[in-house]
Amino acid sequence: ITVTINGDEYAREQLINQLKKLHNVKQVKLLENEITVERELMLIKVK
């Protein structure tokens, strides 16, 4: 699962800690911008 969210440092740490506690979650990792490749796909219909 890849999730993007806006928040402050405290919120980020809280979310990571809460995710780690969930059943069936094996690992949680913050992906740092400088060392991460991101991609997205969009379909757009234009007049």
ModelCIF file with pLDDT and N, C-alpha, C, O atoms, coordinates in Angstrom:
data_MODEL
#
_entry.id   MODEL 
#
_entity.id                         1 
_entity.type                       polymer 
_entity.pdbx_number_of_molecules   1 
#
_entity_poly.entity_id                      1 
_entity_poly.type                           'polypeptide(L)' 
_entity_poly.nstd_linkage                   no 
_entity_poly.nstd_monomer                   no 
_entity_poly.pdbx_seq_one_letter_code       ITVTINGDEYAREQLINQLKKLHNVKQVKLLENEITVERELMLIKVK 
_entity_poly.pdbx_seq_one_letter_code_can   ITVTINGDEYAREQLINQLKKLHNVKQVKLLENEITVERELMLIKVK 
_entity_poly.pdbx_strand_id                 A 
#
loop_
_entity_poly_seq.entity_id 
_entity_poly_seq.num 
_entity_poly_seq.mon_id 
_entity_poly_seq.hetero 
1 1  ILE n 
1 2  THR n 
1 3  VAL n 
1 4  THR n 
1 5  ILE n 
1 6  ASN n 
1 7  GLY n 
1 8  ASP n 
1 9  GLU n 
1 10 TYR n 
1 11 ALA n 
1 12 ARG n 
1 13 GLU n 
1 14 GLN n 
1 15 LEU n 
1 16 ILE n 
1 17 ASN n 
1 18 GLN n 
1 19 LEU n 
1 20 LYS n 
1 21 LYS n 
1 22 LEU n 
1 23 HIS n 
1 24 ASN n 
1 25 VAL n 
1 26 LYS n 
1 27 GLN n 
1 28 VAL n 
1 29 LYS n 
1 30 LEU n 
1 31 LEU n 
1 32 GLU n 
1 33 ASN n 
1 34 GLU n 
1 35 ILE n 
1 36 THR n 
1 37 VAL n 
1 38 GLU n 
1 39 ARG n 
1 40 GLU n 
1 41 LEU n 
1 42 MET n 
1 43 LEU n 
1 44 ILE n 
1 45 LYS n 
1 46 VAL n 
1 47 LYS n 
#
_struct_asym.id          A 
_struct_asym.entity_id   1 
#
loop_
_ma_qa_metric.id 
_ma_qa_metric.mode 
_ma_qa_metric.name 
_ma_qa_metric.software_group_id 
_ma_qa_metric.type 
1 global pLDDT . pLDDT 
2 local  pLDDT . pLDDT 
#
_ma_qa_metric_global.metric_id      1 
_ma_qa_metric_global.metric_value   92.17 
_ma_qa_metric_global.model_id       1 
_ma_qa_metric_global.ordinal_id     1 
#
loop_
_ma_qa_metric_local.label_asym_id 
_ma_qa_metric_local.label_comp_id 
_ma_qa_metric_local.label_seq_id 
_ma_qa_metric_local.metric_id 
_ma_qa_metric_local.metric_value 
_ma_qa_metric_local.model_id 
_ma_qa_metric_local.ordinal_id 
A ILE 1  2 95.00 1 1  
A THR 2  2 95.00 1 2  
A VAL 3  2 94.00 1 3  
A THR 4  2 92.00 1 4  
A ILE 5  2 91.00 1 5  
A ASN 6  2 90.00 1 6  
A GLY 7  2 86.00 1 7  
A ASP 8  2 88.00 1 8  
A GLU 9  2 89.00 1 9  
A TYR 10 2 88.00 1 10 
A ALA 11 2 85.00 1 11 
A ARG 12 2 89.00 1 12 
A GLU 13 2 91.00 1 13 
A GLN 14 2 88.00 1 14 
A LEU 15 2 90.00 1 15 
A ILE 16 2 92.00 1 16 
A ASN 17 2 92.00 1 17 
A GLN 18 2 91.00 1 18 
A LEU 19 2 93.00 1 19 
A LYS 20 2 94.00 1 20 
A LYS 21 2 92.00 1 21 
A LEU 22 2 92.00 1 22 
A HIS 23 2 89.00 1 23 
A ASN 24 2 93.00 1 24 
A VAL 25 2 94.00 1 25 
A LYS 26 2 95.00 1 26 
A GLN 27 2 95.00 1 27 
A VAL 28 2 95.00 1 28 
A LYS 29 2 94.00 1 29 
A LEU 30 2 94.00 1 30 
A LEU 31 2 93.00 1 31 
A GLU 32 2 88.00 1 32 
A ASN 33 2 83.00 1 33 
A GLU 34 2 85.00 1 34 
A ILE 35 2 88.00 1 35 
A THR 36 2 92.00 1 36 
A VAL 37 2 93.00 1 37 
A GLU 38 2 93.00 1 38 
A ARG 39 2 95.00 1 39 
A GLU 40 2 95.00 1 40 
A LEU 41 2 97.00 1 41 
A MET 42 2 97.00 1 42 
A LEU 43 2 98.00 1 43 
A ILE 44 2 98.00 1 44 
A LYS 45 2 98.00 1 45 
A VAL 46 2 97.00 1 46 
A LYS 47 2 96.00 1 47 
#
loop_
_atom_site.group_PDB 
_atom_site.id 
_atom_site.type_symbol 
_atom_site.label_atom_id 
_atom_site.label_alt_id 
_atom_site.label_comp_id 
_atom_site.label_asym_id 
_atom_site.label_entity_id 
_atom_site.label_seq_id 
_atom_site.pdbx_PDB_ins_code 
_atom_site.Cartn_x 
_atom_site.Cartn_y 
_atom_site.Cartn_z 
_atom_site.occupancy 
_atom_site.B_iso_or_equiv 
_atom_site.pdbx_formal_charge 
_atom_site.auth_seq_id 
_atom_site.auth_comp_id 
_atom_site.auth_asym_id 
_atom_site.auth_atom_id 
_atom_site.pdbx_PDB_model_num 
ATOM 1   N N  . ILE A 1 1  ? 0.864   -1.172 0.000   1.00 95.00 ? 1  ILE A N  1 
ATOM 2   C CA . ILE A 1 1  ? 0.000   0.000  0.000   1.00 95.00 ? 1  ILE A CA 1 
ATOM 3   C C  . ILE A 1 1  ? 0.905   1.228  0.000   1.00 95.00 ? 1  ILE A C  1 
ATOM 4   O O  . ILE A 1 1  ? 1.828   1.322  0.810   1.00 95.00 ? 1  ILE A O  1 
ATOM 5   N N  . THR A 1 2  ? 0.645   2.157  -0.898  1.00 95.00 ? 2  THR A N  1 
ATOM 6   C CA . THR A 1 2  ? 1.382   3.421  -0.920  1.00 95.00 ? 2  THR A CA 1 
ATOM 7   C C  . THR A 1 2  ? 0.377   4.525  -0.639  1.00 95.00 ? 2  THR A C  1 
ATOM 8   O O  . THR A 1 2  ? -0.628  4.659  -1.337  1.00 95.00 ? 2  THR A O  1 
ATOM 9   N N  . VAL A 1 3  ? 0.663   5.322  0.400   1.00 94.00 ? 3  VAL A N  1 
ATOM 10  C CA . VAL A 1 3  ? -0.250  6.375  0.838   1.00 94.00 ? 3  VAL A CA 1 
ATOM 11  C C  . VAL A 1 3  ? 0.495   7.704  0.819   1.00 94.00 ? 3  VAL A C  1 
ATOM 12  O O  . VAL A 1 3  ? 1.622   7.787  1.307   1.00 94.00 ? 3  VAL A O  1 
ATOM 13  N N  . THR A 1 4  ? -0.125  8.747  0.259   1.00 92.00 ? 4  THR A N  1 
ATOM 14  C CA . THR A 1 4  ? 0.431   10.101 0.366   1.00 92.00 ? 4  THR A CA 1 
ATOM 15  C C  . THR A 1 4  ? -0.526  10.939 1.203   1.00 92.00 ? 4  THR A C  1 
ATOM 16  O O  . THR A 1 4  ? -1.745  10.898 1.034   1.00 92.00 ? 4  THR A O  1 
ATOM 17  N N  . ILE A 1 5  ? 0.080   11.706 2.118   1.00 91.00 ? 5  ILE A N  1 
ATOM 18  C CA . ILE A 1 5  ? -0.687  12.491 3.087   1.00 91.00 ? 5  ILE A CA 1 
ATOM 19  C C  . ILE A 1 5  ? 0.032   13.803 3.348   1.00 91.00 ? 5  ILE A C  1 
ATOM 20  O O  . ILE A 1 5  ? 1.252   13.882 3.206   1.00 91.00 ? 5  ILE A O  1 
ATOM 21  N N  . ASN A 1 6  ? -0.705  14.823 3.725   1.00 90.00 ? 6  ASN A N  1 
ATOM 22  C CA . ASN A 1 6  ? -0.123  16.076 4.200   1.00 90.00 ? 6  ASN A CA 1 
ATOM 23  C C  . ASN A 1 6  ? -0.245  16.119 5.714   1.00 90.00 ? 6  ASN A C  1 
ATOM 24  O O  . ASN A 1 6  ? -1.284  15.766 6.274   1.00 90.00 ? 6  ASN A O  1 
ATOM 25  N N  . GLY A 1 7  ? 0.827   16.557 6.376   1.00 86.00 ? 7  GLY A N  1 
ATOM 26  C CA . GLY A 1 7  ? 0.805   16.659 7.826   1.00 86.00 ? 7  GLY A CA 1 
ATOM 27  C C  . GLY A 1 7  ? 2.129   17.163 8.345   1.00 86.00 ? 7  GLY A C  1 
ATOM 28  O O  . GLY A 1 7  ? 3.070   17.376 7.581   1.00 86.00 ? 7  GLY A O  1 
ATOM 29  N N  . ASP A 1 8  ? 2.197   17.356 9.661   1.00 88.00 ? 8  ASP A N  1 
ATOM 30  C CA . ASP A 1 8  ? 3.448   17.789 10.275  1.00 88.00 ? 8  ASP A CA 1 
ATOM 31  C C  . ASP A 1 8  ? 4.244   16.570 10.744  1.00 88.00 ? 8  ASP A C  1 
ATOM 32  O O  . ASP A 1 8  ? 3.805   15.432 10.582  1.00 88.00 ? 8  ASP A O  1 
ATOM 33  N N  . GLU A 1 9  ? 5.410   16.820 11.322  1.00 89.00 ? 9  GLU A N  1 
ATOM 34  C CA . GLU A 1 9  ? 6.301   15.744 11.755  1.00 89.00 ? 9  GLU A CA 1 
ATOM 35  C C  . GLU A 1 9  ? 5.634   14.853 12.815  1.00 89.00 ? 9  GLU A C  1 
ATOM 36  O O  . GLU A 1 9  ? 5.761   13.629 12.779  1.00 89.00 ? 9  GLU A O  1 
ATOM 37  N N  . TYR A 1 10 ? 4.929   15.481 13.747  1.00 88.00 ? 10 TYR A N  1 
ATOM 38  C CA . TYR A 1 10 ? 4.276   14.729 14.814  1.00 88.00 ? 10 TYR A CA 1 
ATOM 39  C C  . TYR A 1 10 ? 3.221   13.778 14.238  1.00 88.00 ? 10 TYR A C  1 
ATOM 40  O O  . TYR A 1 10 ? 3.151   12.608 14.614  1.00 88.00 ? 10 TYR A O  1 
ATOM 41  N N  . ALA A 1 11 ? 2.412   14.296 13.329  1.00 85.00 ? 11 ALA A N  1 
ATOM 42  C CA . ALA A 1 11 ? 1.359   13.476 12.711  1.00 85.00 ? 11 ALA A CA 1 
ATOM 43  C C  . ALA A 1 11 ? 1.977   12.311 11.950  1.00 85.00 ? 11 ALA A C  1 
ATOM 44  O O  . ALA A 1 11 ? 1.488   11.183 12.020  1.00 85.00 ? 11 ALA A O  1 
ATOM 45  N N  . ARG A 1 12 ? 3.048   12.590 11.227  1.00 89.00 ? 12 ARG A N  1 
ATOM 46  C CA . ARG A 1 12 ? 3.719   11.541 10.460  1.00 89.00 ? 12 ARG A CA 1 
ATOM 47  C C  . ARG A 1 12 ? 4.179   10.410 11.379  1.00 89.00 ? 12 ARG A C  1 
ATOM 48  O O  . ARG A 1 12 ? 3.945   9.238  11.084  1.00 89.00 ? 12 ARG A O  1 
ATOM 49  N N  . GLU A 1 13 ? 4.824   10.750 12.478  1.00 91.00 ? 13 GLU A N  1 
ATOM 50  C CA . GLU A 1 13 ? 5.315   9.735  13.408  1.00 91.00 ? 13 GLU A CA 1 
ATOM 51  C C  . GLU A 1 13 ? 4.165   8.950  14.042  1.00 91.00 ? 13 GLU A C  1 
ATOM 52  O O  . GLU A 1 13 ? 4.254   7.734  14.210  1.00 91.00 ? 13 GLU A O  1 
ATOM 53  N N  . GLN A 1 14 ? 3.095   9.647  14.387  1.00 88.00 ? 14 GLN A N  1 
ATOM 54  C CA . GLN A 1 14 ? 1.921   8.988  14.973  1.00 88.00 ? 14 GLN A CA 1 
ATOM 55  C C  . GLN A 1 14 ? 1.314   7.982  13.997  1.00 88.00 ? 14 GLN A C  1 
ATOM 56  O O  . GLN A 1 14 ? 0.983   6.858  14.375  1.00 88.00 ? 14 GLN A O  1 
ATOM 57  N N  . LEU A 1 15 ? 1.173   8.393  12.748  1.00 90.00 ? 15 LEU A N  1 
ATOM 58  C CA . LEU A 1 15 ? 0.592   7.505  11.738  1.00 90.00 ? 15 LEU A CA 1 
ATOM 59  C C  . LEU A 1 15 ? 1.455   6.263  11.531  1.00 90.00 ? 15 LEU A C  1 
ATOM 60  O O  . LEU A 1 15 ? 0.940   5.148  11.457  1.00 90.00 ? 15 LEU A O  1 
ATOM 61  N N  . ILE A 1 16 ? 2.747   6.459  11.441  1.00 92.00 ? 16 ILE A N  1 
ATOM 62  C CA . ILE A 1 16 ? 3.653   5.324  11.240  1.00 92.00 ? 16 ILE A CA 1 
ATOM 63  C C  . ILE A 1 16 ? 3.555   4.365  12.428  1.00 92.00 ? 16 ILE A C  1 
ATOM 64  O O  . ILE A 1 16 ? 3.473   3.150  12.243  1.00 92.00 ? 16 ILE A O  1 
ATOM 65  N N  . ASN A 1 17 ? 3.563   4.904  13.633  1.00 92.00 ? 17 ASN A N  1 
ATOM 66  C CA . ASN A 1 17 ? 3.467   4.051  14.822  1.00 92.00 ? 17 ASN A CA 1 
ATOM 67  C C  . ASN A 1 17 ? 2.138   3.308  14.889  1.00 92.00 ? 17 ASN A C  1 
ATOM 68  O O  . ASN A 1 17 ? 2.107   2.133  15.255  1.00 92.00 ? 17 ASN A O  1 
ATOM 69  N N  . GLN A 1 18 ? 1.048   3.974  14.543  1.00 91.00 ? 18 GLN A N  1 
ATOM 70  C CA . GLN A 1 18 ? -0.269  3.333  14.566  1.00 91.00 ? 18 GLN A CA 1 
ATOM 71  C C  . GLN A 1 18 ? -0.381  2.257  13.486  1.00 91.00 ? 18 GLN A C  1 
ATOM 72  O O  . GLN A 1 18 ? -0.965  1.199  13.719  1.00 91.00 ? 18 GLN A O  1 
ATOM 73  N N  . LEU A 1 19 ? 0.176   2.528  12.313  1.00 93.00 ? 19 LEU A N  1 
ATOM 74  C CA . LEU A 1 19 ? 0.149   1.528  11.239  1.00 93.00 ? 19 LEU A CA 1 
ATOM 75  C C  . LEU A 1 19 ? 0.902   0.264  11.654  1.00 93.00 ? 19 LEU A C  1 
ATOM 76  O O  . LEU A 1 19 ? 0.454   -0.848 11.373  1.00 93.00 ? 19 LEU A O  1 
ATOM 77  N N  . LYS A 1 20 ? 2.030   0.432  12.311  1.00 94.00 ? 20 LYS A N  1 
ATOM 78  C CA . LYS A 1 20 ? 2.838   -0.719 12.736  1.00 94.00 ? 20 LYS A CA 1 
ATOM 79  C C  . LYS A 1 20 ? 2.082   -1.630 13.700  1.00 94.00 ? 20 LYS A C  1 
ATOM 80  O O  . LYS A 1 20 ? 2.384   -2.820 13.791  1.00 94.00 ? 20 LYS A O  1 
ATOM 81  N N  . LYS A 1 21 ? 1.114   -1.089 14.410  1.00 92.00 ? 21 LYS A N  1 
ATOM 82  C CA . LYS A 1 21 ? 0.345   -1.860 15.402  1.00 92.00 ? 21 LYS A CA 1 
ATOM 83  C C  . LYS A 1 21 ? -0.798  -2.663 14.781  1.00 92.00 ? 21 LYS A C  1 
ATOM 84  O O  . LYS A 1 21 ? -1.345  -3.558 15.426  1.00 92.00 ? 21 LYS A O  1 
ATOM 85  N N  . LEU A 1 22 ? -1.163  -2.351 13.535  1.00 92.00 ? 22 LEU A N  1 
ATOM 86  C CA . LEU A 1 22 ? -2.306  -3.018 12.923  1.00 92.00 ? 22 LEU A CA 1 
ATOM 87  C C  . LEU A 1 22 ? -2.014  -4.473 12.587  1.00 92.00 ? 22 LEU A C  1 
ATOM 88  O O  . LEU A 1 22 ? -0.906  -4.833 12.188  1.00 92.00 ? 22 LEU A O  1 
ATOM 89  N N  . HIS A 1 23 ? -3.044  -5.300 12.761  1.00 89.00 ? 23 HIS A N  1 
ATOM 90  C CA . HIS A 1 23 ? -2.965  -6.712 12.426  1.00 89.00 ? 23 HIS A CA 1 
ATOM 91  C C  . HIS A 1 23 ? -2.720  -6.867 10.928  1.00 89.00 ? 23 HIS A C  1 
ATOM 92  O O  . HIS A 1 23 ? -3.296  -6.121 10.136  1.00 89.00 ? 23 HIS A O  1 
ATOM 93  N N  . ASN A 1 24 ? -1.893  -7.801 10.528  1.00 93.00 ? 24 ASN A N  1 
ATOM 94  C CA . ASN A 1 24 ? -1.544  -8.118 9.143   1.00 93.00 ? 24 ASN A CA 1 
ATOM 95  C C  . ASN A 1 24 ? -0.573  -7.133 8.497   1.00 93.00 ? 24 ASN A C  1 
ATOM 96  O O  . ASN A 1 24 ? -0.218  -7.311 7.332   1.00 93.00 ? 24 ASN A O  1 
ATOM 97  N N  . VAL A 1 25 ? -0.129  -6.092 9.222   1.00 94.00 ? 25 VAL A N  1 
ATOM 98  C CA . VAL A 1 25 ? 0.869   -5.166 8.691   1.00 94.00 ? 25 VAL A CA 1 
ATOM 99  C C  . VAL A 1 25 ? 2.241   -5.722 9.038   1.00 94.00 ? 25 VAL A C  1 
ATOM 100 O O  . VAL A 1 25 ? 2.550   -5.944 10.209  1.00 94.00 ? 25 VAL A O  1 
ATOM 101 N N  . LYS A 1 26 ? 3.060   -5.945 8.023   1.00 95.00 ? 26 LYS A N  1 
ATOM 102 C CA . LYS A 1 26 ? 4.388   -6.527 8.217   1.00 95.00 ? 26 LYS A CA 1 
ATOM 103 C C  . LYS A 1 26 ? 5.476   -5.474 8.335   1.00 95.00 ? 26 LYS A C  1 
ATOM 104 O O  . LYS A 1 26 ? 6.408   -5.637 9.122   1.00 95.00 ? 26 LYS A O  1 
ATOM 105 N N  . GLN A 1 27 ? 5.375   -4.385 7.558   1.00 95.00 ? 27 GLN A N  1 
ATOM 106 C CA . GLN A 1 27 ? 6.379   -3.330 7.628   1.00 95.00 ? 27 GLN A CA 1 
ATOM 107 C C  . GLN A 1 27 ? 5.775   -2.013 7.175   1.00 95.00 ? 27 GLN A C  1 
ATOM 108 O O  . GLN A 1 27 ? 4.899   -1.978 6.311   1.00 95.00 ? 27 GLN A O  1 
ATOM 109 N N  . VAL A 1 28 ? 6.258   -0.933 7.772   1.00 95.00 ? 28 VAL A N  1 
ATOM 110 C CA . VAL A 1 28 ? 5.850   0.417  7.405   1.00 95.00 ? 28 VAL A CA 1 
ATOM 111 C C  . VAL A 1 28 ? 7.127   1.220  7.193   1.00 95.00 ? 28 VAL A C  1 
ATOM 112 O O  . VAL A 1 28 ? 8.050   1.164  8.005   1.00 95.00 ? 28 VAL A O  1 
ATOM 113 N N  . LYS A 1 29 ? 7.169   1.962  6.099   1.00 94.00 ? 29 LYS A N  1 
ATOM 114 C CA . LYS A 1 29 ? 8.383   2.720  5.803   1.00 94.00 ? 29 LYS A CA 1 
ATOM 115 C C  . LYS A 1 29 ? 8.024   4.086  5.239   1.00 94.00 ? 29 LYS A C  1 
ATOM 116 O O  . LYS A 1 29 ? 7.203   4.203  4.329   1.00 94.00 ? 29 LYS A O  1 
ATOM 117 N N  . LEU A 1 30 ? 8.653   5.116  5.795   1.00 94.00 ? 30 LEU A N  1 
ATOM 118 C CA . LEU A 1 30 ? 8.539   6.458  5.242   1.00 94.00 ? 30 LEU A CA 1 
ATOM 119 C C  . LEU A 1 30 ? 9.485   6.540  4.055   1.00 94.00 ? 30 LEU A C  1 
ATOM 120 O O  . LEU A 1 30 ? 10.662  6.205  4.182   1.00 94.00 ? 30 LEU A O  1 
ATOM 121 N N  . LEU A 1 31 ? 8.996   6.973  2.918   1.00 93.00 ? 31 LEU A N  1 
ATOM 122 C CA . LEU A 1 31 ? 9.819   7.090  1.714   1.00 93.00 ? 31 LEU A CA 1 
ATOM 123 C C  . LEU A 1 31 ? 10.273  8.544  1.572   1.00 93.00 ? 31 LEU A C  1 
ATOM 124 O O  . LEU A 1 31 ? 9.466   9.435  1.309   1.00 93.00 ? 31 LEU A O  1 
ATOM 125 N N  . GLU A 1 32 ? 11.552  8.765  1.748   1.00 88.00 ? 32 GLU A N  1 
ATOM 126 C CA . GLU A 1 32 ? 12.129  10.114 1.684   1.00 88.00 ? 32 GLU A CA 1 
ATOM 127 C C  . GLU A 1 32 ? 12.181  10.592 0.229   1.00 88.00 ? 32 GLU A C  1 
ATOM 128 O O  . GLU A 1 32 ? 12.570  9.837  -0.662  1.00 88.00 ? 32 GLU A O  1 
ATOM 129 N N  . ASN A 1 33 ? 11.790  11.837 -0.008  1.00 83.00 ? 33 ASN A N  1 
ATOM 130 C CA . ASN A 1 33 ? 11.732  12.398 -1.366  1.00 83.00 ? 33 ASN A CA 1 
ATOM 131 C C  . ASN A 1 33 ? 13.030  12.258 -2.146  1.00 83.00 ? 33 ASN A C  1 
ATOM 132 O O  . ASN A 1 33 ? 13.009  11.931 -3.333  1.00 83.00 ? 33 ASN A O  1 
ATOM 133 N N  . GLU A 1 34 ? 14.163  12.504 -1.490  1.00 85.00 ? 34 GLU A N  1 
ATOM 134 C CA . GLU A 1 34 ? 15.448  12.542 -2.190  1.00 85.00 ? 34 GLU A CA 1 
ATOM 135 C C  . GLU A 1 34 ? 15.852  11.191 -2.757  1.00 85.00 ? 34 GLU A C  1 
ATOM 136 O O  . GLU A 1 34 ? 16.591  11.132 -3.739  1.00 85.00 ? 34 GLU A O  1 
ATOM 137 N N  . ILE A 1 35 ? 15.381  10.108 -2.157  1.00 88.00 ? 35 ILE A N  1 
ATOM 138 C CA . ILE A 1 35 ? 15.821  8.773  -2.592  1.00 88.00 ? 35 ILE A CA 1 
ATOM 139 C C  . ILE A 1 35 ? 14.654  7.915  -3.076  1.00 88.00 ? 35 ILE A C  1 
ATOM 140 O O  . ILE A 1 35 ? 14.730  6.687  -3.049  1.00 88.00 ? 35 ILE A O  1 
ATOM 141 N N  . THR A 1 36 ? 13.589  8.555  -3.513  1.00 92.00 ? 36 THR A N  1 
ATOM 142 C CA . THR A 1 36 ? 12.391  7.827  -3.931  1.00 92.00 ? 36 THR A CA 1 
ATOM 143 C C  . THR A 1 36 ? 11.996  8.187  -5.363  1.00 92.00 ? 36 THR A C  1 
ATOM 144 O O  . THR A 1 36 ? 12.052  9.349  -5.767  1.00 92.00 ? 36 THR A O  1 
ATOM 145 N N  . VAL A 1 37 ? 11.603  7.179  -6.108  1.00 93.00 ? 37 VAL A N  1 
ATOM 146 C CA . VAL A 1 37 ? 11.053  7.367  -7.450  1.00 93.00 ? 37 VAL A CA 1 
ATOM 147 C C  . VAL A 1 37 ? 9.542   7.238  -7.317  1.00 93.00 ? 37 VAL A C  1 
ATOM 148 O O  . VAL A 1 37 ? 9.045   6.234  -6.809  1.00 93.00 ? 37 VAL A O  1 
ATOM 149 N N  . GLU A 1 38 ? 8.815   8.247  -7.770  1.00 93.00 ? 38 GLU A N  1 
ATOM 150 C CA . GLU A 1 38 ? 7.348   8.238  -7.724  1.00 93.00 ? 38 GLU A CA 1 
ATOM 151 C C  . GLU A 1 38 ? 6.788   8.305  -9.137  1.00 93.00 ? 38 GLU A C  1 
ATOM 152 O O  . GLU A 1 38 ? 7.323   8.996  -10.004 1.00 93.00 ? 38 GLU A O  1 
ATOM 153 N N  . ARG A 1 39 ? 5.705   7.574  -9.350  1.00 95.00 ? 39 ARG A N  1 
ATOM 154 C CA . ARG A 1 39 ? 5.010   7.634  -10.635 1.00 95.00 ? 39 ARG A CA 1 
ATOM 155 C C  . ARG A 1 39 ? 3.510   7.553  -10.397 1.00 95.00 ? 39 ARG A C  1 
ATOM 156 O O  . ARG A 1 39 ? 3.036   7.038  -9.384  1.00 95.00 ? 39 ARG A O  1 
ATOM 157 N N  . GLU A 1 40 ? 2.785   8.085  -11.376 1.00 95.00 ? 40 GLU A N  1 
ATOM 158 C CA . GLU A 1 40 ? 1.328   8.071  -11.333 1.00 95.00 ? 40 GLU A CA 1 
ATOM 159 C C  . GLU A 1 40 ? 0.834   7.939  -12.772 1.00 95.00 ? 40 GLU A C  1 
ATOM 160 O O  . GLU A 1 40 ? 1.537   8.308  -13.713 1.00 95.00 ? 40 GLU A O  1 
ATOM 161 N N  . LEU A 1 41 ? -0.356  7.420  -12.932 1.00 97.00 ? 41 LEU A N  1 
ATOM 162 C CA . LEU A 1 41 ? -0.989  7.295  -14.245 1.00 97.00 ? 41 LEU A CA 1 
ATOM 163 C C  . LEU A 1 41 ? -2.282  8.093  -14.222 1.00 97.00 ? 41 LEU A C  1 
ATOM 164 O O  . LEU A 1 41 ? -3.024  8.067  -13.240 1.00 97.00 ? 41 LEU A O  1 
ATOM 165 N N  . MET A 1 42 ? -2.544  8.798  -15.310 1.00 97.00 ? 42 MET A N  1 
ATOM 166 C CA . MET A 1 42 ? -3.803  9.529  -15.446 1.00 97.00 ? 42 MET A CA 1 
ATOM 167 C C  . MET A 1 42 ? -4.360  9.292  -16.845 1.00 97.00 ? 42 MET A C  1 
ATOM 168 O O  . MET A 1 42 ? -3.622  9.276  -17.829 1.00 97.00 ? 42 MET A O  1 
ATOM 169 N N  . LEU A 1 43 ? -5.661  9.112  -16.911 1.00 98.00 ? 43 LEU A N  1 
ATOM 170 C CA . LEU A 1 43 ? -6.390  9.142  -18.187 1.00 98.00 ? 43 LEU A CA 1 
ATOM 171 C C  . LEU A 1 43 ? -7.212  10.419 -18.171 1.00 98.00 ? 43 LEU A C  1 
ATOM 172 O O  . LEU A 1 43 ? -7.913  10.706 -17.201 1.00 98.00 ? 43 LEU A O  1 
ATOM 173 N N  . ILE A 1 44 ? -7.122  11.183 -19.253 1.00 98.00 ? 44 ILE A N  1 
ATOM 174 C CA . ILE A 1 44 ? -7.838  12.457 -19.316 1.00 98.00 ? 44 ILE A CA 1 
ATOM 175 C C  . ILE A 1 44 ? -8.499  12.592 -20.685 1.00 98.00 ? 44 ILE A C  1 
ATOM 176 O O  . ILE A 1 44 ? -7.867  12.369 -21.718 1.00 98.00 ? 44 ILE A O  1 
ATOM 177 N N  . LYS A 1 45 ? -9.765  12.955 -20.676 1.00 98.00 ? 45 LYS A N  1 
ATOM 178 C CA . LYS A 1 45 ? -10.515 13.165 -21.920 1.00 98.00 ? 45 LYS A CA 1 
ATOM 179 C C  . LYS A 1 45 ? -10.712 14.670 -22.081 1.00 98.00 ? 45 LYS A C  1 
ATOM 180 O O  . LYS A 1 45 ? -11.209 15.347 -21.181 1.00 98.00 ? 45 LYS A O  1 
ATOM 181 N N  . VAL A 1 46 ? -10.313 15.175 -23.239 1.00 97.00 ? 46 VAL A N  1 
ATOM 182 C CA . VAL A 1 46 ? -10.335 16.614 -23.513 1.00 97.00 ? 46 VAL A CA 1 
ATOM 183 C C  . VAL A 1 46 ? -11.209 16.894 -24.736 1.00 97.00 ? 46 VAL A C  1 
ATOM 184 O O  . VAL A 1 46 ? -11.195 16.143 -25.711 1.00 97.00 ? 46 VAL A O  1 
ATOM 185 N N  . LYS A 1 47 ? -11.975 17.997 -24.666 1.00 96.00 ? 47 LYS A N  1 
ATOM 186 C CA . LYS A 1 47 ? -12.762 18.430 -25.819 1.00 96.00 ? 47 LYS A CA 1 
ATOM 187 C C  . LYS A 1 47 ? -11.813 18.817 -26.939 1.00 96.00 ? 47 LYS A C  1 
ATOM 188 O O  . LYS A 1 47 ? -12.258 19.215 -28.016 1.00 96.00 ? 47 LYS A O  1 
#
